[in-house]
Amino acid sequence: MNDSNLPNKILVVDDDPAVGKGLIGPLKQYKIQVDTAVDLESAMYLFNQNRYDVALIEIDFGPLPGLALIQKWRKHEM
């Protein structure tokens, strides 16, 4: 894959911290910044403060199901 096709920054939303931490190392070699959120407050804060090329969201995210979180973000004005 061409490096120009890779995202610069991704957000991982999962209540298991090992998921996000497990992606940091492998993606760092491609110069991809990985931010992680393990709770709803962190996810909302990071989303409001940054622009992400990709967001990986756990479907069964405890505080707010992943699809509901996506709907909330879609309604959010950038």
Protein backbone atom coordinates (compact mmCIF):
# COMPACT_ATOMS: atom_id res chain seq x y z
CA MET A 1 0.00 0.00 0.00
CA ASN A 2 1.26 3.46 -0.89
CA ASP A 3 2.02 5.62 2.18
CA SER A 4 0.03 8.49 0.69
CA ASN A 5 -3.10 6.34 1.02
CA LEU A 6 -2.62 5.81 4.76
CA PRO A 7 -4.44 7.89 7.36
CA ASN A 8 -2.42 10.34 9.45
CA LYS A 9 -4.46 10.02 12.61
CA ILE A 10 -6.99 7.51 13.93
CA LEU A 11 -9.20 7.34 16.99
CA VAL A 12 -9.85 4.01 18.69
CA VAL A 13 -12.90 3.92 20.99
CA ASP A 14 -13.02 0.73 23.04
CA ASP A 15 -13.59 0.16 26.76
CA ASP A 16 -10.74 -2.38 26.73
CA PRO A 17 -7.52 -0.33 26.85
CA ALA A 18 -5.52 -3.24 25.41
CA VAL A 19 -7.23 -2.83 22.03
CA GLY A 20 -6.00 0.73 21.45
CA LYS A 21 -2.59 0.07 22.98
CA GLY A 22 -2.21 -2.96 20.74
CA LEU A 23 -2.60 -0.80 17.63
CA ILE A 24 -0.19 1.97 18.61
CA GLY A 25 3.04 0.04 17.99
CA PRO A 26 2.20 -1.52 14.62
CA LEU A 27 0.75 1.71 13.23
CA LYS A 28 3.58 3.88 14.54
CA GLN A 29 5.93 2.27 12.00
CA TYR A 30 3.72 3.82 9.30
CA LYS A 31 3.76 7.21 11.08
CA ILE A 32 0.06 6.93 11.96
CA GLN A 33 -0.90 8.65 15.20
CA VAL A 34 -3.32 6.61 17.32
CA ASP A 35 -5.46 8.26 19.99
CA THR A 36 -7.48 6.03 22.30
CA ALA A 37 -10.63 6.54 24.34
CA VAL A 38 -11.84 4.01 26.90
CA ASP A 39 -14.86 5.99 28.08
CA LEU A 40 -17.55 8.20 26.60
CA GLU A 41 -16.14 11.43 28.02
CA SER A 42 -12.71 10.82 26.49
CA ALA A 43 -14.22 9.84 23.16
CA MET A 44 -16.33 13.00 22.99
CA TYR A 45 -13.43 15.22 24.10
CA LEU A 46 -11.01 13.79 21.56
CA PHE A 47 -13.59 13.98 18.78
CA ASN A 48 -14.32 17.63 19.59
CA GLN A 49 -10.65 18.61 19.81
CA ASN A 50 -9.19 16.75 16.81
CA ARG A 51 -9.83 15.80 13.23
CA TYR A 52 -9.44 12.09 12.53
CA ASP A 53 -9.07 10.34 9.21
CA VAL A 54 -10.40 7.08 10.70
CA ALA A 55 -12.35 6.15 13.83
CA LEU A 56 -12.52 2.55 15.06
CA ILE A 57 -15.43 2.18 17.47
CA GLU A 58 -16.42 -0.88 19.45
CA ILE A 59 -19.99 -1.85 18.55
CA ASP A 60 -20.71 -2.95 22.14
CA PHE A 61 -19.08 0.12 23.70
CA GLY A 62 -20.47 0.17 27.24
CA PRO A 63 -21.54 3.77 27.88
CA LEU A 64 -23.09 4.32 24.44
CA PRO A 65 -23.35 1.65 21.73
CA GLY A 66 -20.95 2.28 18.85
CA LEU A 67 -23.68 2.99 16.32
CA ALA A 68 -25.34 5.51 18.66
CA LEU A 69 -21.99 7.23 19.15
CA ILE A 70 -21.53 7.49 15.39
CA GLN A 71 -25.02 9.00 15.04
CA LYS A 72 -24.19 11.52 17.77
CA TRP A 73 -20.97 12.49 15.97
CA ARG A 74 -22.73 12.79 12.61
CA LYS A 75 -25.14 15.34 14.11
CA HIS A 76 -22.22 17.27 15.61
CA GLU A 77 -21.27 20.36 13.66
CA MET A 78 -17.57 20.52 12.86
